[in-house]
């Protein structure tokens, strides 16, 4: 049986490629805290409505999202590497780390675009 983190994160990833706005909204409600935050170097997205707007802009460009590492979970924290394969034939790698709340919804994702550089 998947953990709360695995369930929330899998739903979050599926929402990114869900073409139906109503279905996407249900997925976001199931996996994202009301005041959840997605933070990158260039922006902060706060709340379900803002996440839905971001996903609506991003979804048409994404063919699929795939994991390139296992989802590493603690009690309430997680990290993972993934790749978004875009419809234009390019790919975008990312590293995400996050936290879920007591209800099992994501309350924070820190996302870093691009591969990590070796030291």
PDB file of N, CA and C in Angstrom:
ATOM      1  N   UNK A   1       0.844  -1.181   0.000  1.00  0.00           N
ATOM      2  CA  UNK A   1       0.000   0.000   0.000  1.00  0.00           C
ATOM      3  C   UNK A   1       0.889   1.244   0.000  1.00  0.00           C
ATOM      4  N   UNK A   2       0.614   2.189  -0.899  1.00  0.00           N
ATOM      5  CA  UNK A   2       1.461   3.390  -0.963  1.00  0.00           C
ATOM      6  C   UNK A   2       1.300   4.267   0.286  1.00  0.00           C
ATOM      7  N   UNK A   3       2.368   4.969   0.612  1.00  0.00           N
ATOM      8  CA  UNK A   3       2.330   5.903   1.741  1.00  0.00           C
ATOM      9  C   UNK A   3       1.538   7.148   1.349  1.00  0.00           C
ATOM     10  N   UNK A   4       1.220   7.970   2.350  1.00  0.00           N
ATOM     11  CA  UNK A   4       0.514   9.229   2.085  1.00  0.00           C
ATOM     12  C   UNK A   4       1.332  10.112   1.144  1.00  0.00           C
ATOM     13  N   UNK A   5       2.642  10.117   1.321  1.00  0.00           N
ATOM     14  CA  UNK A   5       3.501  10.919   0.447  1.00  0.00           C
ATOM     15  C   UNK A   5       3.433  10.397  -0.980  1.00  0.00           C
ATOM     16  N   UNK A   6       3.552   9.085  -1.156  1.00  0.00           N
ATOM     17  CA  UNK A   6       3.505   8.506  -2.505  1.00  0.00           C
ATOM     18  C   UNK A   6       2.177   8.804  -3.189  1.00  0.00           C
ATOM     19  N   UNK A   7       1.084   8.670  -2.454  1.00  0.00           N
ATOM     20  CA  UNK A   7      -0.238   8.945  -3.018  1.00  0.00           C
ATOM     21  C   UNK A   7      -0.359  10.406  -3.422  1.00  0.00           C
ATOM     22  N   UNK A   8       0.034  11.311  -2.534  1.00  0.00           N
ATOM     23  CA  UNK A   8      -0.064  12.745  -2.831  1.00  0.00           C
ATOM     24  C   UNK A   8       0.824  13.119  -4.012  1.00  0.00           C
ATOM     25  N   UNK A   9       2.059  12.629  -4.016  1.00  0.00           N
ATOM     26  CA  UNK A   9       2.976  13.015  -5.088  1.00  0.00           C
ATOM     27  C   UNK A   9       2.540  12.437  -6.428  1.00  0.00           C
ATOM     28  N   UNK A  10       2.109  11.184  -6.447  1.00  0.00           N
ATOM     29  CA  UNK A  10       1.635  10.585  -7.701  1.00  0.00           C
ATOM     30  C   UNK A  10       0.432  11.343  -8.259  1.00  0.00           C
ATOM     31  N   UNK A  11      -0.475  11.753  -7.391  1.00  0.00           N
ATOM     32  CA  UNK A  11      -1.641  12.528  -7.828  1.00  0.00           C
ATOM     33  C   UNK A  11      -1.205  13.880  -8.376  1.00  0.00           C
ATOM     34  N   UNK A  12      -0.269  14.522  -7.710  1.00  0.00           N
ATOM     35  CA  UNK A  12       0.283  15.804  -8.150  1.00  0.00           C
ATOM     36  C   UNK A  12       0.889  15.680  -9.550  1.00  0.00           C
ATOM     37  N   UNK A  13       1.678  14.647  -9.786  1.00  0.00           N
ATOM     38  CA  UNK A  13       2.308  14.454 -11.097  1.00  0.00           C
ATOM     39  C   UNK A  13       1.250  14.190 -12.167  1.00  0.00           C
ATOM     40  N   UNK A  14       0.271  13.347 -11.861  1.00  0.00           N
ATOM     41  CA  UNK A  14      -0.792  13.061 -12.833  1.00  0.00           C
ATOM     42  C   UNK A  14      -1.584  14.323 -13.173  1.00  0.00           C
ATOM     43  N   UNK A  15      -1.769  15.200 -12.199  1.00  0.00           N
ATOM     44  CA  UNK A  15      -2.517  16.439 -12.437  1.00  0.00           C
ATOM     45  C   UNK A  15      -1.831  17.315 -13.485  1.00  0.00           C
ATOM     46  N   UNK A  16      -0.517  17.265 -13.557  1.00  0.00           N
ATOM     47  CA  UNK A  16       0.215  18.076 -14.533  1.00  0.00           C
ATOM     48  C   UNK A  16      -0.120  17.723 -15.973  1.00  0.00           C
ATOM     49  N   UNK A  17      -0.503  16.489 -16.221  1.00  0.00           N
ATOM     50  CA  UNK A  17      -0.805  16.084 -17.600  1.00  0.00           C
ATOM     51  C   UNK A  17      -2.294  15.825 -17.817  1.00  0.00           C
ATOM     52  N   UNK A  18      -3.118  16.151 -16.838  1.00  0.00           N
ATOM     53  CA  UNK A  18      -4.564  15.966 -16.965  1.00  0.00           C
ATOM     54  C   UNK A  18      -5.147  17.088 -17.830  1.00  0.00           C
ATOM     55  N   UNK A  19      -5.754  16.746 -18.973  1.00  0.00           N
ATOM     56  CA  UNK A  19      -6.273  17.788 -19.862  1.00  0.00           C
ATOM     57  C   UNK A  19      -7.595  18.417 -19.406  1.00  0.00           C
ATOM     58  N   UNK A  20      -8.369  17.699 -18.598  1.00  0.00           N
ATOM     59  CA  UNK A  20      -9.681  18.200 -18.175  1.00  0.00           C
ATOM     60  C   UNK A  20      -9.537  19.073 -16.925  1.00  0.00           C
ATOM     61  N   UNK A  21      -9.907  20.361 -17.014  1.00  0.00           N
ATOM     62  CA  UNK A  21      -9.741  21.260 -15.868  1.00  0.00           C
ATOM     63  C   UNK A  21     -10.494  20.808 -14.615  1.00  0.00           C
ATOM     64  N   UNK A  22     -11.694  20.250 -14.775  1.00  0.00           N
ATOM     65  CA  UNK A  22     -12.463  19.808 -13.608  1.00  0.00           C
ATOM     66  C   UNK A  22     -11.781  18.615 -12.933  1.00  0.00           C
ATOM     67  N   UNK A  23     -11.316  17.668 -13.729  1.00  0.00           N
ATOM     68  CA  UNK A  23     -10.603  16.514 -13.168  1.00  0.00           C
ATOM     69  C   UNK A  23      -9.304  16.963 -12.514  1.00  0.00           C
ATOM     70  N   UNK A  24      -8.606  17.905 -13.153  1.00  0.00           N
ATOM     71  CA  UNK A  24      -7.357  18.429 -12.581  1.00  0.00           C
ATOM     72  C   UNK A  24      -7.637  19.098 -11.242  1.00  0.00           C
ATOM     73  N   UNK A  25      -8.709  19.868 -11.152  1.00  0.00           N
ATOM     74  CA  UNK A  25      -9.061  20.550  -9.900  1.00  0.00           C
ATOM     75  C   UNK A  25      -9.330  19.538  -8.782  1.00  0.00           C
ATOM     76  N   UNK A  26      -9.995  18.435  -9.106  1.00  0.00           N
ATOM     77  CA  UNK A  26     -10.244  17.392  -8.103  1.00  0.00           C
ATOM     78  C   UNK A  26      -8.936  16.764  -7.635  1.00  0.00           C
ATOM     79  N   UNK A  27      -8.031  16.553  -8.569  1.00  0.00           N
ATOM     80  CA  UNK A  27      -6.732  15.977  -8.209  1.00  0.00           C
ATOM     81  C   UNK A  27      -5.952  16.934  -7.309  1.00  0.00           C
ATOM     82  N   UNK A  28      -5.977  18.209  -7.648  1.00  0.00           N
ATOM     83  CA  UNK A  28      -5.273  19.205  -6.836  1.00  0.00           C
ATOM     84  C   UNK A  28      -5.864  19.253  -5.434  1.00  0.00           C
ATOM     85  N   UNK A  29      -7.187  19.226  -5.341  1.00  0.00           N
ATOM     86  CA  UNK A  29      -7.827  19.243  -4.021  1.00  0.00           C
ATOM     87  C   UNK A  29      -7.410  18.026  -3.191  1.00  0.00           C
ATOM     88  N   UNK A  30      -7.259  16.886  -3.854  1.00  0.00           N
ATOM     89  CA  UNK A  30      -6.895  15.656  -3.145  1.00  0.00           C
ATOM     90  C   UNK A  30      -5.448  15.655  -2.659  1.00  0.00           C
ATOM     91  N   UNK A  31      -4.553  16.332  -3.384  1.00  0.00           N
ATOM     92  CA  UNK A  31      -3.123  16.194  -3.060  1.00  0.00           C
ATOM     93  C   UNK A  31      -2.462  17.458  -2.541  1.00  0.00           C
ATOM     94  N   UNK A  32      -3.100  18.620  -2.674  1.00  0.00           N
ATOM     95  CA  UNK A  32      -2.434  19.894  -2.394  1.00  0.00           C
ATOM     96  C   UNK A  32      -3.120  20.608  -1.234  1.00  0.00           C
ATOM     97  N   UNK A  33      -2.357  21.045  -0.258  1.00  0.00           N
ATOM     98  CA  UNK A  33      -2.907  21.791   0.873  1.00  0.00           C
ATOM     99  C   UNK A  33      -3.512  23.109   0.386  1.00  0.00           C
ATOM    100  N   UNK A  34      -4.507  23.598   1.097  1.00  0.00           N
ATOM    101  CA  UNK A  34      -5.178  24.847   0.719  1.00  0.00           C
ATOM    102  C   UNK A  34      -4.164  25.963   0.511  1.00  0.00           C
ATOM    103  N   UNK A  35      -3.188  26.060   1.399  1.00  0.00           N
ATOM    104  CA  UNK A  35      -2.167  27.110   1.312  1.00  0.00           C
ATOM    105  C   UNK A  35      -0.820  26.558   0.827  1.00  0.00           C
ATOM    106  N   UNK A  36      -0.846  25.423   0.122  1.00  0.00           N
ATOM    107  CA  UNK A  36       0.381  24.801  -0.367  1.00  0.00           C
ATOM    108  C   UNK A  36       1.203  25.739  -1.235  1.00  0.00           C
ATOM    109  N   UNK A  37       2.526  25.545  -1.203  1.00  0.00           N
ATOM    110  CA  UNK A  37       3.445  26.412  -1.950  1.00  0.00           C
ATOM    111  C   UNK A  37       4.345  25.584  -2.847  1.00  0.00           C
ATOM    112  N   UNK A  38       4.523  26.065  -4.070  1.00  0.00           N
ATOM    113  CA  UNK A  38       5.493  25.525  -5.024  1.00  0.00           C
ATOM    114  C   UNK A  38       6.508  26.636  -5.242  1.00  0.00           C
ATOM    115  N   UNK A  39       7.748  26.399  -4.838  1.00  0.00           N
ATOM    116  CA  UNK A  39       8.767  27.448  -4.867  1.00  0.00           C
ATOM    117  C   UNK A  39       9.908  27.018  -5.782  1.00  0.00           C
ATOM    118  N   UNK A  40      10.252  27.899  -6.726  1.00  0.00           N
ATOM    119  CA  UNK A  40      11.409  27.683  -7.596  1.00  0.00           C
ATOM    120  C   UNK A  40      12.315  28.903  -7.484  1.00  0.00           C
ATOM    121  N   UNK A  41      13.396  28.899  -8.238  1.00  0.00           N
ATOM    122  CA  UNK A  41      14.305  30.051  -8.216  1.00  0.00           C
ATOM    123  C   UNK A  41      13.623  31.324  -8.703  1.00  0.00           C
ATOM    124  N   UNK A  42      12.647  31.179  -9.589  1.00  0.00           N
ATOM    125  CA  UNK A  42      12.068  32.358 -10.231  1.00  0.00           C
ATOM    126  C   UNK A  42      10.645  32.697  -9.811  1.00  0.00           C
ATOM    127  N   UNK A  43       9.983  31.833  -9.037  1.00  0.00           N
ATOM    128  CA  UNK A  43       8.591  32.123  -8.680  1.00  0.00           C
ATOM    129  C   UNK A  43       8.156  31.358  -7.450  1.00  0.00           C
ATOM    130  N   UNK A  44       7.063  31.835  -6.878  1.00  0.00           N
ATOM    131  CA  UNK A  44       6.376  31.121  -5.809  1.00  0.00           C
ATOM    132  C   UNK A  44       4.904  31.055  -6.163  1.00  0.00           C
ATOM    133  N   UNK A  45       4.371  29.856  -6.159  1.00  0.00           N
ATOM    134  CA  UNK A  45       2.956  29.634  -6.429  1.00  0.00           C
ATOM    135  C   UNK A  45       2.341  29.212  -5.108  1.00  0.00           C
ATOM    136  N   UNK A  46       1.290  29.905  -4.700  1.00  0.00           N
ATOM    137  CA  UNK A  46       0.683  29.641  -3.395  1.00  0.00           C
ATOM    138  C   UNK A  46      -0.802  29.358  -3.566  1.00  0.00           C
ATOM    139  N   UNK A  47      -1.238  28.239  -3.034  1.00  0.00           N
ATOM    140  CA  UNK A  47      -2.653  27.889  -3.023  1.00  0.00           C
ATOM    141  C   UNK A  47      -3.074  27.044  -4.213  1.00  0.00           C
ATOM    142  N   UNK A  48      -4.242  26.442  -4.070  1.00  0.00           N
ATOM    143  CA  UNK A  48      -4.749  25.526  -5.092  1.00  0.00           C
ATOM    144  C   UNK A  48      -5.104  26.229  -6.396  1.00  0.00           C
ATOM    145  N   UNK A  49      -5.730  27.377  -6.303  1.00  0.00           N
ATOM    146  CA  UNK A  49      -6.134  28.088  -7.520  1.00  0.00           C
ATOM    147  C   UNK A  49      -4.918  28.499  -8.348  1.00  0.00           C
ATOM    148  N   UNK A  50      -3.904  29.019  -7.695  1.00  0.00           N
ATOM    149  CA  UNK A  50      -2.691  29.423  -8.414  1.00  0.00           C
ATOM    150  C   UNK A  50      -1.991  28.209  -9.024  1.00  0.00           C
ATOM    151  N   UNK A  51      -1.991  27.075  -8.304  1.00  0.00           N
ATOM    152  CA  UNK A  51      -1.390  25.860  -8.850  1.00  0.00           C
ATOM    153  C   UNK A  51      -2.178  25.385 -10.064  1.00  0.00           C
ATOM    154  N   UNK A  52      -3.500  25.438  -9.989  1.00  0.00           N
ATOM    155  CA  UNK A  52      -4.336  25.029 -11.124  1.00  0.00           C
ATOM    156  C   UNK A  52      -4.057  25.898 -12.347  1.00  0.00           C
ATOM    157  N   UNK A  53      -3.898  27.196 -12.149  1.00  0.00           N
ATOM    158  CA  UNK A  53      -3.587  28.100 -13.264  1.00  0.00           C
ATOM    159  C   UNK A  53      -2.227  27.759 -13.874  1.00  0.00           C
ATOM    160  N   UNK A  54      -1.239  27.507 -13.031  1.00  0.00           N
ATOM    161  CA  UNK A  54       0.094  27.144 -13.512  1.00  0.00           C
ATOM    162  C   UNK A  54       0.040  25.842 -14.303  1.00  0.00           C
ATOM    163  N   UNK A  55      -0.645  24.845 -13.761  1.00  0.00           N
ATOM    164  CA  UNK A  55      -0.753  23.561 -14.448  1.00  0.00           C
ATOM    165  C   UNK A  55      -1.489  23.698 -15.779  1.00  0.00           C
ATOM    166  N   UNK A  56      -2.512  24.538 -15.823  1.00  0.00           N
ATOM    167  CA  UNK A  56      -3.264  24.737 -17.068  1.00  0.00           C
ATOM    168  C   UNK A  56      -2.366  25.313 -18.160  1.00  0.00           C
ATOM    169  N   UNK A  57      -1.424  26.155 -17.791  1.00  0.00           N
ATOM    170  CA  UNK A  57      -0.484  26.719 -18.760  1.00  0.00           C
ATOM    171  C   UNK A  57       0.578  25.702 -19.159  1.00  0.00           C
ATOM    172  N   UNK A  58       0.977  24.865 -18.222  1.00  0.00           N
ATOM    173  CA  UNK A  58       2.065  23.915 -18.435  1.00  0.00           C
ATOM    174  C   UNK A  58       1.600  22.641 -19.138  1.00  0.00           C
ATOM    175  N   UNK A  59       0.415  22.155 -18.795  1.00  0.00           N
ATOM    176  CA  UNK A  59      -0.076  20.850 -19.273  1.00  0.00           C
ATOM    177  C   UNK A  59      -0.056  20.685 -20.789  1.00  0.00           C
ATOM    178  N   UNK A  60      -0.462  21.673 -21.583  1.00  0.00           N
ATOM    179  CA  UNK A  60      -0.450  21.462 -23.034  1.00  0.00           C
ATOM    180  C   UNK A  60       0.949  21.242 -23.617  1.00  0.00           C
ATOM    181  N   UNK A  61       1.969  21.668 -22.911  1.00  0.00           N
ATOM    182  CA  UNK A  61       3.348  21.526 -23.394  1.00  0.00           C
ATOM    183  C   UNK A  61       3.976  20.192 -23.017  1.00  0.00           C
ATOM    184  N   UNK A  62       3.367  19.461 -22.064  1.00  0.00           N
ATOM    185  CA  UNK A  62       3.981  18.256 -21.510  1.00  0.00           C
ATOM    186  C   UNK A  62       3.391  16.994 -22.123  1.00  0.00           C
ATOM    187  N   UNK A  63       4.261  16.148 -22.660  1.00  0.00           N
ATOM    188  CA  UNK A  63       3.822  14.845 -23.159  1.00  0.00           C
ATOM    189  C   UNK A  63       3.725  13.851 -22.003  1.00  0.00           C
ATOM    190  N   UNK A  64       4.731  13.876 -21.130  1.00  0.00           N
ATOM    191  CA  UNK A  64       4.711  13.010 -19.950  1.00  0.00           C
ATOM    192  C   UNK A  64       5.755  13.485 -18.949  1.00  0.00           C
ATOM    193  N   UNK A  65       5.588  13.033 -17.722  1.00  0.00           N
ATOM    194  CA  UNK A  65       6.560  13.285 -16.662  1.00  0.00           C
ATOM    195  C   UNK A  65       7.014  11.923 -16.161  1.00  0.00           C
ATOM    196  N   UNK A  66       8.323  11.754 -16.076  1.00  0.00           N
ATOM    197  CA  UNK A  66       8.836  10.461 -15.628  1.00  0.00           C
ATOM    198  C   UNK A  66       9.857  10.643 -14.517  1.00  0.00           C
ATOM    199  N   UNK A  67       9.874   9.673 -13.638  1.00  0.00           N
ATOM    200  CA  UNK A  67      10.831   9.667 -12.529  1.00  0.00           C
ATOM    201  C   UNK A  67      12.177   9.151 -13.018  1.00  0.00           C
ATOM    202  N   UNK A  68      13.253   9.782 -12.542  1.00  0.00           N
ATOM    203  CA  UNK A  68      14.587   9.252 -12.819  1.00  0.00           C
ATOM    204  C   UNK A  68      15.297   8.878 -11.515  1.00  0.00           C
ATOM    205  N   UNK A  69      14.553   8.919 -10.433  1.00  0.00           N
ATOM    206  CA  UNK A  69      15.026   8.398  -9.148  1.00  0.00           C
ATOM    207  C   UNK A  69      13.808   7.852  -8.416  1.00  0.00           C
ATOM    208  N   UNK A  70      14.085   7.101  -7.379  1.00  0.00           N
ATOM    209  CA  UNK A  70      13.000   6.664  -6.507  1.00  0.00           C
ATOM    210  C   UNK A  70      12.504   7.869  -5.712  1.00  0.00           C
ATOM    211  N   UNK A  71      11.265   7.814  -5.273  1.00  0.00           N
ATOM    212  CA  UNK A  71      10.730   8.821  -4.366  1.00  0.00           C
ATOM    213  C   UNK A  71      11.262   8.480  -2.978  1.00  0.00           C
ATOM    214  N   UNK A  72      12.151   9.308  -2.463  1.00  0.00           N
ATOM    215  CA  UNK A  72      12.782   9.096  -1.163  1.00  0.00           C
ATOM    216  C   UNK A  72      11.927   9.791  -0.118  1.00  0.00           C
ATOM    217  N   UNK A  73      11.344   9.017   0.796  1.00  0.00           N
ATOM    218  CA  UNK A  73      10.381   9.563   1.754  1.00  0.00           C
ATOM    219  C   UNK A  73      10.847   9.402   3.189  1.00  0.00           C
ATOM    220  N   UNK A  74      10.571  10.417   3.989  1.00  0.00           N
ATOM    221  CA  UNK A  74      10.657  10.331   5.437  1.00  0.00           C
ATOM    222  C   UNK A  74       9.227  10.296   5.953  1.00  0.00           C
ATOM    223  N   UNK A  75       9.025  10.668   7.198  1.00  0.00           N
ATOM    224  CA  UNK A  75       7.666  10.663   7.749  1.00  0.00           C
ATOM    225  C   UNK A  75       6.785  11.695   7.051  1.00  0.00           C
ATOM    226  N   UNK A  76       7.311  12.897   6.859  1.00  0.00           N
ATOM    227  CA  UNK A  76       6.522  13.948   6.203  1.00  0.00           C
ATOM    228  C   UNK A  76       7.276  14.637   5.073  1.00  0.00           C
ATOM    229  N   UNK A  77       8.503  14.222   4.798  1.00  0.00           N
ATOM    230  CA  UNK A  77       9.290  14.884   3.754  1.00  0.00           C
ATOM    231  C   UNK A  77       9.627  13.909   2.634  1.00  0.00           C
ATOM    232  N   UNK A  78       9.952  14.482   1.472  1.00  0.00           N
ATOM    233  CA  UNK A  78      10.299  13.648   0.320  1.00  0.00           C
ATOM    234  C   UNK A  78      11.231  14.406  -0.606  1.00  0.00           C
ATOM    235  N   UNK A  79      11.870  13.630  -1.493  1.00  0.00           N
ATOM    236  CA  UNK A  79      12.680  14.214  -2.561  1.00  0.00           C
ATOM    237  C   UNK A  79      12.652  13.253  -3.746  1.00  0.00           C
ATOM    238  N   UNK A  80      12.836  13.832  -4.944  1.00  0.00           N
ATOM    239  CA  UNK A  80      12.792  13.023  -6.159  1.00  0.00           C
ATOM    240  C   UNK A  80      13.406  13.805  -7.314  1.00  0.00           C
ATOM    241  N   UNK A  81      13.922  13.070  -8.285  1.00  0.00           N
ATOM    242  CA  UNK A  81      14.371  13.669  -9.545  1.00  0.00           C
ATOM    243  C   UNK A  81      13.440  13.182 -10.640  1.00  0.00           C
ATOM    244  N   UNK A  82      13.144  14.072 -11.568  1.00  0.00           N
ATOM    245  CA  UNK A  82      12.259  13.698 -12.662  1.00  0.00           C
ATOM    246  C   UNK A  82      12.601  14.440 -13.937  1.00  0.00           C
ATOM    247  N   UNK A  83      11.954  14.012 -15.007  1.00  0.00           N
ATOM    248  CA  UNK A  83      12.107  14.660 -16.307  1.00  0.00           C
ATOM    249  C   UNK A  83      10.726  14.874 -16.898  1.00  0.00           C
ATOM    250  N   UNK A  84      10.492  16.083 -17.382  1.00  0.00           N
ATOM    251  CA  UNK A  84       9.285  16.382 -18.149  1.00  0.00           C
ATOM    252  C   UNK A  84       9.660  16.303 -19.622  1.00  0.00           C
ATOM    253  N   UNK A  85       9.044  15.373 -20.324  1.00  0.00           N
ATOM    254  CA  UNK A  85       9.237  15.270 -21.772  1.00  0.00           C
ATOM    255  C   UNK A  85       8.199  16.172 -22.426  1.00  0.00           C
ATOM    256  N   UNK A  86       8.678  17.182 -23.135  1.00  0.00           N
ATOM    257  CA  UNK A  86       7.793  18.185 -23.718  1.00  0.00           C
ATOM    258  C   UNK A  86       7.381  17.791 -25.130  1.00  0.00           C
ATOM    259  N   UNK A  87       6.256  18.323 -25.559  1.00  0.00           N
ATOM    260  CA  UNK A  87       5.701  17.982 -26.874  1.00  0.00           C
ATOM    261  C   UNK A  87       6.576  18.474 -28.027  1.00  0.00           C
ATOM    262  N   UNK A  88       7.453  19.439 -27.761  1.00  0.00           N
ATOM    263  CA  UNK A  88       8.332  19.929 -28.829  1.00  0.00           C
ATOM    264  C   UNK A  88       9.574  19.049 -29.009  1.00  0.00           C
ATOM    265  N   UNK A  89       9.641  17.947 -28.260  1.00  0.00           N
ATOM    266  CA  UNK A  89      10.761  17.023 -28.385  1.00  0.00           C
ATOM    267  C   UNK A  89      11.891  17.257 -27.398  1.00  0.00           C
ATOM    268  N   UNK A  90      11.828  18.320 -26.622  1.00  0.00           N
ATOM    269  CA  UNK A  90      12.854  18.591 -25.621  1.00  0.00           C
ATOM    270  C   UNK A  90      12.437  17.987 -24.278  1.00  0.00           C
ATOM    271  N   UNK A  91      13.372  17.975 -23.349  1.00  0.00           N
ATOM    272  CA  UNK A  91      13.109  17.464 -22.002  1.00  0.00           C
ATOM    273  C   UNK A  91      13.652  18.448 -20.984  1.00  0.00           C
ATOM    274  N   UNK A  92      13.040  18.448 -19.807  1.00  0.00           N
ATOM    275  CA  UNK A  92      13.474  19.320 -18.724  1.00  0.00           C
ATOM    276  C   UNK A  92      13.610  18.496 -17.449  1.00  0.00           C
ATOM    277  N   UNK A  93      14.828  18.435 -16.920  1.00  0.00           N
ATOM    278  CA  UNK A  93      15.078  17.687 -15.688  1.00  0.00           C
ATOM    279  C   UNK A  93      14.816  18.581 -14.487  1.00  0.00           C
ATOM    280  N   UNK A  94      14.389  17.969 -13.378  1.00  0.00           N
ATOM    281  CA  UNK A  94      14.199  18.741 -12.152  1.00  0.00           C
ATOM    282  C   UNK A  94      14.491  17.879 -10.930  1.00  0.00           C
ATOM    283  N   UNK A  95      14.757  18.562  -9.840  1.00  0.00           N
ATOM    284  CA  UNK A  95      14.886  17.950  -8.521  1.00  0.00           C
ATOM    285  C   UNK A  95      13.850  18.620  -7.645  1.00  0.00           C
ATOM    286  N   UNK A  96      13.023  17.831  -6.996  1.00  0.00           N
ATOM    287  CA  UNK A  96      11.994  18.366  -6.107  1.00  0.00           C
ATOM    288  C   UNK A  96      12.193  17.809  -4.706  1.00  0.00           C
ATOM    289  N   UNK A  97      11.983  18.657  -3.719  1.00  0.00           N
ATOM    290  CA  UNK A  97      11.948  18.239  -2.321  1.00  0.00           C
ATOM    291  C   UNK A  97      10.713  18.880  -1.716  1.00  0.00           C
ATOM    292  N   UNK A  98      10.050  18.163  -0.836  1.00  0.00           N
ATOM    293  CA  UNK A  98       8.822  18.720  -0.304  1.00  0.00           C
ATOM    294  C   UNK A  98       8.416  18.135   1.024  1.00  0.00           C
ATOM    295  N   UNK A  99       7.222  18.567   1.437  1.00  0.00           N
ATOM    296  CA  UNK A  99       6.676  18.178   2.732  1.00  0.00           C
ATOM    297  C   UNK A  99       5.166  18.063   2.613  1.00  0.00           C
ATOM    298  N   UNK A 100       4.603  17.074   3.315  1.00  0.00           N
ATOM    299  CA  UNK A 100       3.154  16.958   3.379  1.00  0.00           C
ATOM    300  C   UNK A 100       2.673  17.417   4.748  1.00  0.00           C
ATOM    301  N   UNK A 101       1.375  17.742   4.819  1.00  0.00           N
ATOM    302  CA  UNK A 101       0.785  18.156   6.088  1.00  0.00           C
ATOM    303  C   UNK A 101       0.163  16.949   6.801  1.00  0.00           C
ATOM    304  N   UNK A 102      -0.499  17.199   7.932  1.00  0.00           N
ATOM    305  CA  UNK A 102      -1.097  16.122   8.727  1.00  0.00           C
ATOM    306  C   UNK A 102      -2.226  15.409   7.992  1.00  0.00           C
ATOM    307  N   UNK A 103      -2.815  16.064   6.989  1.00  0.00           N
ATOM    308  CA  UNK A 103      -3.892  15.462   6.200  1.00  0.00           C
ATOM    309  C   UNK A 103      -3.367  14.681   5.001  1.00  0.00           C
ATOM    310  N   UNK A 104      -2.038  14.633   4.822  1.00  0.00           N
ATOM    311  CA  UNK A 104      -1.453  13.898   3.708  1.00  0.00           C
ATOM    312  C   UNK A 104      -1.433  14.667   2.406  1.00  0.00           C
ATOM    313  N   UNK A 105      -1.594  15.982   2.487  1.00  0.00           N
ATOM    314  CA  UNK A 105      -1.542  16.825   1.289  1.00  0.00           C
ATOM    315  C   UNK A 105      -0.205  17.563   1.253  1.00  0.00           C
ATOM    316  N   UNK A 106       0.251  17.827   0.044  1.00  0.00           N
ATOM    317  CA  UNK A 106       1.525  18.529  -0.120  1.00  0.00           C
ATOM    318  C   UNK A 106       1.367  19.974   0.332  1.00  0.00           C
ATOM    319  N   UNK A 107       2.243  20.398   1.247  1.00  0.00           N
ATOM    320  CA  UNK A 107       2.200  21.794   1.682  1.00  0.00           C
ATOM    321  C   UNK A 107       3.374  22.601   1.150  1.00  0.00           C
ATOM    322  N   UNK A 108       4.413  21.900   0.668  1.00  0.00           N
ATOM    323  CA  UNK A 108       5.564  22.612   0.118  1.00  0.00           C
ATOM    324  C   UNK A 108       6.301  21.719  -0.865  1.00  0.00           C
ATOM    325  N   UNK A 109       6.618  22.289  -2.022  1.00  0.00           N
ATOM    326  CA  UNK A 109       7.573  21.675  -2.941  1.00  0.00           C
ATOM    327  C   UNK A 109       8.591  22.745  -3.317  1.00  0.00           C
ATOM    328  N   UNK A 110       9.855  22.420  -3.108  1.00  0.00           N
ATOM    329  CA  UNK A 110      10.959  23.237  -3.607  1.00  0.00           C
ATOM    330  C   UNK A 110      11.433  22.544  -4.870  1.00  0.00           C
ATOM    331  N   UNK A 111      11.377  23.234  -5.996  1.00  0.00           N
ATOM    332  CA  UNK A 111      11.738  22.606  -7.265  1.00  0.00           C
ATOM    333  C   UNK A 111      12.920  23.331  -7.893  1.00  0.00           C
ATOM    334  N   UNK A 112      13.860  22.547  -8.362  1.00  0.00           N
ATOM    335  CA  UNK A 112      15.063  23.072  -8.995  1.00  0.00           C
ATOM    336  C   UNK A 112      15.125  22.535 -10.414  1.00  0.00           C
ATOM    337  N   UNK A 113      15.084  23.421 -11.388  1.00  0.00           N
ATOM    338  CA  UNK A 113      15.121  23.023 -12.796  1.00  0.00           C
ATOM    339  C   UNK A 113      16.552  22.756 -13.227  1.00  0.00           C
ATOM    340  N   UNK A 114      16.706  21.746 -14.063  1.00  0.00           N
ATOM    341  CA  UNK A 114      18.013  21.415 -14.610  1.00  0.00           C
ATOM    342  C   UNK A 114      18.743  20.402 -13.758  1.00  0.00           C
ATOM    343  N   UNK A 115      19.719  19.730 -14.355  1.00  0.00           N
ATOM    344  CA  UNK A 115      20.492  18.733 -13.612  1.00  0.00           C
ATOM    345  C   UNK A 115      21.439  19.403 -12.621  1.00  0.00           C
ATOM    346  N   UNK A 116      21.729  18.693 -11.544  1.00  0.00           N
ATOM    347  CA  UNK A 116      22.729  19.177 -10.598  1.00  0.00           C
ATOM    348  C   UNK A 116      24.108  19.054 -11.230  1.00  0.00           C
ATOM    349  N   UNK A 117      24.953  20.008 -10.942  1.00  0.00           N
ATOM    350  CA  UNK A 117      26.315  20.007 -11.469  1.00  0.00           C
ATOM    351  C   UNK A 117      27.217  19.299 -10.467  1.00  0.00           C
ATOM    352  N   UNK A 118      28.105  18.456 -10.956  1.00  0.00           N
ATOM    353  CA  UNK A 118      29.050  17.775 -10.075  1.00  0.00           C
ATOM    354  C   UNK A 118      29.992  18.780  -9.423  1.00  0.00           C
ATOM    355  N   UNK A 119      30.418  18.475  -8.205  1.00  0.00           N
ATOM    356  CA  UNK A 119      31.331  19.361  -7.465  1.00  0.00           C
ATOM    357  C   UNK A 119      32.728  19.274  -8.029  1.00  0.00           C
TER     358      UNK A 119
END
